[in-house]
Amino acid sequence: MAKRTKSALKANRQNIKRREHNRQMRSKLRTQLKSIRASLDARDVDAAKAALGQTVSIVDKMATKGIIHRNTARRYKSRLASRLTKATA
């Protein structure tokens, strides 16, 4: 528990809210990544192409918000794009 000053208590409340929000966003990101990876594993290229734009958008949002690092976002996008091109070839 935080110290008992008003500012510390407020900071603690804010941290709890932010942590929960970040956990939800990270979960949303992971779910989206799992779905596109599953469609790639199942050789469902059409579904993967359709989901790629949405996944890239979510990855970019998470990087902008600071939930994941910029380079991590780039790595995710690069790996997904390369897997998609390999699946289409």
N, C-alpha and C. Protein backbone atom coordinates (compact mmCIF):
# COMPACT_ATOMS: atom_id res chain seq x y z
N MET A 1 0.85 -1.19 0.00
CA MET A 1 0.00 0.00 0.00
C MET A 1 0.88 1.23 0.00
N ALA A 2 0.39 2.27 -0.60
CA ALA A 2 1.13 3.52 -0.68
C ALA A 2 1.13 4.20 0.68
N LYS A 3 1.99 5.19 0.78
CA LYS A 3 2.00 5.98 2.00
C LYS A 3 0.64 6.67 2.15
N ARG A 4 0.38 7.18 3.31
CA ARG A 4 -0.96 7.70 3.61
C ARG A 4 -1.14 9.17 3.27
N THR A 5 -0.27 9.75 2.49
CA THR A 5 -0.51 11.13 2.08
C THR A 5 -1.53 11.15 0.95
N LYS A 6 -2.18 12.28 0.81
CA LYS A 6 -3.22 12.37 -0.22
C LYS A 6 -2.66 12.13 -1.61
N SER A 7 -1.50 12.71 -1.89
CA SER A 7 -0.93 12.56 -3.23
C SER A 7 -0.49 11.13 -3.49
N ALA A 8 0.01 10.45 -2.46
CA ALA A 8 0.44 9.06 -2.64
C ALA A 8 -0.76 8.15 -2.85
N LEU A 9 -1.84 8.42 -2.14
CA LEU A 9 -3.05 7.61 -2.31
C LEU A 9 -3.63 7.81 -3.72
N LYS A 10 -3.63 9.06 -4.19
CA LYS A 10 -4.13 9.32 -5.53
C LYS A 10 -3.24 8.66 -6.58
N ALA A 11 -1.94 8.75 -6.39
CA ALA A 11 -1.01 8.12 -7.33
C ALA A 11 -1.22 6.61 -7.37
N ASN A 12 -1.50 6.04 -6.22
CA ASN A 12 -1.75 4.60 -6.16
C ASN A 12 -3.03 4.23 -6.91
N ARG A 13 -4.08 5.03 -6.75
CA ARG A 13 -5.31 4.79 -7.49
C ARG A 13 -5.08 4.88 -9.00
N GLN A 14 -4.31 5.88 -9.41
CA GLN A 14 -4.01 6.04 -10.83
C GLN A 14 -3.21 4.86 -11.37
N ASN A 15 -2.25 4.41 -10.58
CA ASN A 15 -1.43 3.27 -11.01
C ASN A 15 -2.26 2.02 -11.20
N ILE A 16 -3.21 1.81 -10.30
CA ILE A 16 -4.08 0.63 -10.40
C ILE A 16 -4.91 0.70 -11.68
N LYS A 17 -5.48 1.87 -11.96
CA LYS A 17 -6.29 2.03 -13.17
C LYS A 17 -5.44 1.84 -14.42
N ARG A 18 -4.27 2.45 -14.45
CA ARG A 18 -3.39 2.35 -15.62
C ARG A 18 -2.94 0.92 -15.85
N ARG A 19 -2.59 0.24 -14.76
CA ARG A 19 -2.12 -1.14 -14.87
C ARG A 19 -3.21 -2.03 -15.46
N GLU A 20 -4.43 -1.87 -14.99
CA GLU A 20 -5.54 -2.66 -15.50
C GLU A 20 -5.80 -2.35 -16.98
N HIS A 21 -5.76 -1.08 -17.33
CA HIS A 21 -5.98 -0.69 -18.73
C HIS A 21 -4.88 -1.27 -19.62
N ASN A 22 -3.64 -1.17 -19.17
CA ASN A 22 -2.53 -1.71 -19.95
C ASN A 22 -2.63 -3.23 -20.09
N ARG A 23 -3.08 -3.90 -19.05
CA ARG A 23 -3.25 -5.35 -19.12
C ARG A 23 -4.31 -5.72 -20.15
N GLN A 24 -5.40 -4.98 -20.18
CA GLN A 24 -6.45 -5.24 -21.16
C GLN A 24 -5.95 -5.01 -22.58
N MET A 25 -5.20 -3.93 -22.78
CA MET A 25 -4.68 -3.63 -24.11
C MET A 25 -3.68 -4.70 -24.55
N ARG A 26 -2.80 -5.12 -23.64
CA ARG A 26 -1.81 -6.14 -23.97
C ARG A 26 -2.49 -7.46 -24.29
N SER A 27 -3.56 -7.77 -23.57
CA SER A 27 -4.32 -8.99 -23.83
C SER A 27 -4.97 -8.93 -25.21
N LYS A 28 -5.52 -7.77 -25.56
CA LYS A 28 -6.13 -7.58 -26.87
C LYS A 28 -5.09 -7.79 -27.98
N LEU A 29 -3.90 -7.25 -27.76
CA LEU A 29 -2.82 -7.40 -28.73
C LEU A 29 -2.43 -8.85 -28.89
N ARG A 30 -2.24 -9.54 -27.79
CA ARG A 30 -1.83 -10.95 -27.84
C ARG A 30 -2.90 -11.81 -28.52
N THR A 31 -4.15 -11.53 -28.25
CA THR A 31 -5.24 -12.28 -28.87
C THR A 31 -5.23 -12.09 -30.38
N GLN A 32 -5.03 -10.86 -30.81
CA GLN A 32 -4.99 -10.57 -32.24
C GLN A 32 -3.80 -11.26 -32.90
N LEU A 33 -2.65 -11.23 -32.24
CA LEU A 33 -1.46 -11.90 -32.79
C LEU A 33 -1.68 -13.40 -32.88
N LYS A 34 -2.31 -13.98 -31.86
CA LYS A 34 -2.58 -15.42 -31.88
C LYS A 34 -3.52 -15.78 -33.03
N SER A 35 -4.52 -14.94 -33.27
CA SER A 35 -5.50 -15.27 -34.32
C SER A 35 -4.86 -15.23 -35.70
N ILE A 36 -4.02 -14.24 -35.95
CA ILE A 36 -3.39 -14.18 -37.28
C ILE A 36 -2.36 -15.29 -37.44
N ARG A 37 -1.66 -15.62 -36.37
CA ARG A 37 -0.70 -16.73 -36.44
C ARG A 37 -1.42 -18.05 -36.67
N ALA A 38 -2.56 -18.22 -36.04
CA ALA A 38 -3.33 -19.45 -36.23
C ALA A 38 -3.81 -19.57 -37.67
N SER A 39 -4.26 -18.47 -38.25
CA SER A 39 -4.71 -18.52 -39.64
C SER A 39 -3.54 -18.79 -40.58
N LEU A 40 -2.36 -18.29 -40.25
CA LEU A 40 -1.18 -18.58 -41.07
C LEU A 40 -0.76 -20.05 -40.93
N ASP A 41 -0.86 -20.57 -39.72
CA ASP A 41 -0.52 -21.99 -39.51
C ASP A 41 -1.50 -22.90 -40.23
N ALA A 42 -2.75 -22.47 -40.31
CA ALA A 42 -3.78 -23.26 -40.99
C ALA A 42 -3.77 -23.04 -42.50
N ARG A 43 -2.82 -22.27 -42.99
CA ARG A 43 -2.69 -21.97 -44.42
C ARG A 43 -3.91 -21.24 -44.98
N ASP A 44 -4.58 -20.50 -44.13
CA ASP A 44 -5.73 -19.71 -44.55
C ASP A 44 -5.23 -18.30 -44.89
N VAL A 45 -4.70 -18.17 -46.09
CA VAL A 45 -4.03 -16.94 -46.48
C VAL A 45 -5.01 -15.77 -46.60
N ASP A 46 -6.21 -16.04 -47.07
CA ASP A 46 -7.19 -14.97 -47.22
C ASP A 46 -7.56 -14.34 -45.89
N ALA A 47 -7.78 -15.19 -44.89
CA ALA A 47 -8.11 -14.68 -43.56
C ALA A 47 -6.92 -13.93 -42.96
N ALA A 48 -5.72 -14.42 -43.21
CA ALA A 48 -4.53 -13.77 -42.68
C ALA A 48 -4.33 -12.40 -43.32
N LYS A 49 -4.57 -12.30 -44.62
CA LYS A 49 -4.45 -11.01 -45.30
C LYS A 49 -5.47 -10.02 -44.76
N ALA A 50 -6.68 -10.52 -44.51
CA ALA A 50 -7.72 -9.64 -43.98
C ALA A 50 -7.39 -9.17 -42.57
N ALA A 51 -6.78 -10.04 -41.77
CA ALA A 51 -6.47 -9.69 -40.39
C ALA A 51 -5.18 -8.90 -40.24
N LEU A 52 -4.35 -8.90 -41.28
CA LEU A 52 -3.04 -8.23 -41.17
C LEU A 52 -3.19 -6.73 -40.93
N GLY A 53 -4.06 -6.08 -41.66
CA GLY A 53 -4.23 -4.63 -41.49
C GLY A 53 -4.70 -4.27 -40.11
N GLN A 54 -5.65 -5.03 -39.60
CA GLN A 54 -6.17 -4.78 -38.25
C GLN A 54 -5.10 -5.04 -37.21
N THR A 55 -4.32 -6.10 -37.40
CA THR A 55 -3.27 -6.44 -36.45
C THR A 55 -2.18 -5.37 -36.43
N VAL A 56 -1.79 -4.92 -37.61
CA VAL A 56 -0.76 -3.88 -37.70
C VAL A 56 -1.25 -2.60 -37.02
N SER A 57 -2.52 -2.28 -37.19
CA SER A 57 -3.09 -1.10 -36.55
C SER A 57 -3.02 -1.22 -35.03
N ILE A 58 -3.38 -2.38 -34.50
CA ILE A 58 -3.34 -2.57 -33.05
C ILE A 58 -1.90 -2.51 -32.54
N VAL A 59 -0.98 -3.12 -33.26
CA VAL A 59 0.43 -3.11 -32.86
C VAL A 59 0.95 -1.67 -32.82
N ASP A 60 0.60 -0.88 -33.84
CA ASP A 60 1.04 0.51 -33.87
C ASP A 60 0.45 1.32 -32.72
N LYS A 61 -0.81 1.07 -32.40
CA LYS A 61 -1.44 1.78 -31.29
C LYS A 61 -0.76 1.45 -29.97
N MET A 62 -0.42 0.19 -29.78
CA MET A 62 0.22 -0.22 -28.54
C MET A 62 1.61 0.41 -28.42
N ALA A 63 2.31 0.53 -29.53
CA ALA A 63 3.63 1.16 -29.51
C ALA A 63 3.51 2.65 -29.23
N THR A 64 2.48 3.29 -29.81
CA THR A 64 2.27 4.71 -29.59
C THR A 64 1.93 5.00 -28.13
N LYS A 65 1.14 4.13 -27.54
CA LYS A 65 0.72 4.32 -26.15
C LYS A 65 1.83 3.95 -25.16
N GLY A 66 2.88 3.29 -25.65
CA GLY A 66 3.98 2.91 -24.76
C GLY A 66 3.75 1.58 -24.07
N ILE A 67 2.76 0.81 -24.51
CA ILE A 67 2.49 -0.48 -23.89
C ILE A 67 3.53 -1.50 -24.33
N ILE A 68 3.96 -1.39 -25.60
CA ILE A 68 5.09 -2.18 -26.07
C ILE A 68 6.11 -1.22 -26.67
N HIS A 69 7.34 -1.66 -26.78
CA HIS A 69 8.41 -0.82 -27.31
C HIS A 69 8.26 -0.69 -28.83
N ARG A 70 8.78 0.40 -29.37
CA ARG A 70 8.69 0.64 -30.81
C ARG A 70 9.35 -0.48 -31.61
N ASN A 71 10.52 -0.90 -31.17
CA ASN A 71 11.23 -1.95 -31.90
C ASN A 71 10.50 -3.28 -31.82
N THR A 72 9.84 -3.53 -30.72
CA THR A 72 9.04 -4.75 -30.58
C THR A 72 7.90 -4.73 -31.59
N ALA A 73 7.27 -3.57 -31.73
CA ALA A 73 6.18 -3.43 -32.70
C ALA A 73 6.70 -3.67 -34.11
N ARG A 74 7.84 -3.11 -34.42
CA ARG A 74 8.43 -3.31 -35.75
C ARG A 74 8.74 -4.78 -35.99
N ARG A 75 9.26 -5.43 -34.98
CA ARG A 75 9.60 -6.85 -35.09
C ARG A 75 8.35 -7.69 -35.33
N TYR A 76 7.28 -7.42 -34.59
CA TYR A 76 6.02 -8.15 -34.79
C TYR A 76 5.52 -7.98 -36.22
N LYS A 77 5.50 -6.73 -36.70
CA LYS A 77 4.98 -6.46 -38.04
C LYS A 77 5.84 -7.12 -39.10
N SER A 78 7.14 -7.06 -38.92
CA SER A 78 8.05 -7.64 -39.90
C SER A 78 7.90 -9.15 -39.97
N ARG A 79 7.81 -9.79 -38.83
CA ARG A 79 7.67 -11.24 -38.81
C ARG A 79 6.33 -11.69 -39.39
N LEU A 80 5.27 -10.96 -39.09
CA LEU A 80 3.97 -11.31 -39.66
C LEU A 80 3.97 -11.14 -41.17
N ALA A 81 4.55 -10.05 -41.64
CA ALA A 81 4.58 -9.80 -43.08
C ALA A 81 5.41 -10.87 -43.80
N SER A 82 6.54 -11.23 -43.21
CA SER A 82 7.39 -12.24 -43.86
C SER A 82 6.72 -13.60 -43.86
N ARG A 83 6.01 -13.94 -42.77
CA ARG A 83 5.28 -15.22 -42.74
C ARG A 83 4.16 -15.23 -43.76
N LEU A 84 3.53 -14.08 -43.95
CA LEU A 84 2.45 -14.01 -44.92
C LEU A 84 2.98 -14.17 -46.34
N THR A 85 4.10 -13.55 -46.64
CA THR A 85 4.67 -13.68 -47.97
C THR A 85 5.14 -15.11 -48.23
N LYS A 86 5.68 -15.77 -47.20
CA LYS A 86 6.10 -17.15 -47.36
C LYS A 86 4.89 -18.06 -47.57
N ALA A 87 3.79 -17.74 -46.90
CA ALA A 87 2.59 -18.56 -47.03
C ALA A 87 1.96 -18.41 -48.42
N THR A 88 2.08 -17.22 -49.00
CA THR A 88 1.49 -17.02 -50.32
C THR A 88 2.36 -17.61 -51.43
N ALA A 89 3.64 -17.72 -51.17
CA ALA A 89 4.56 -18.25 -52.20
C ALA A 89 4.47 -19.75 -52.34
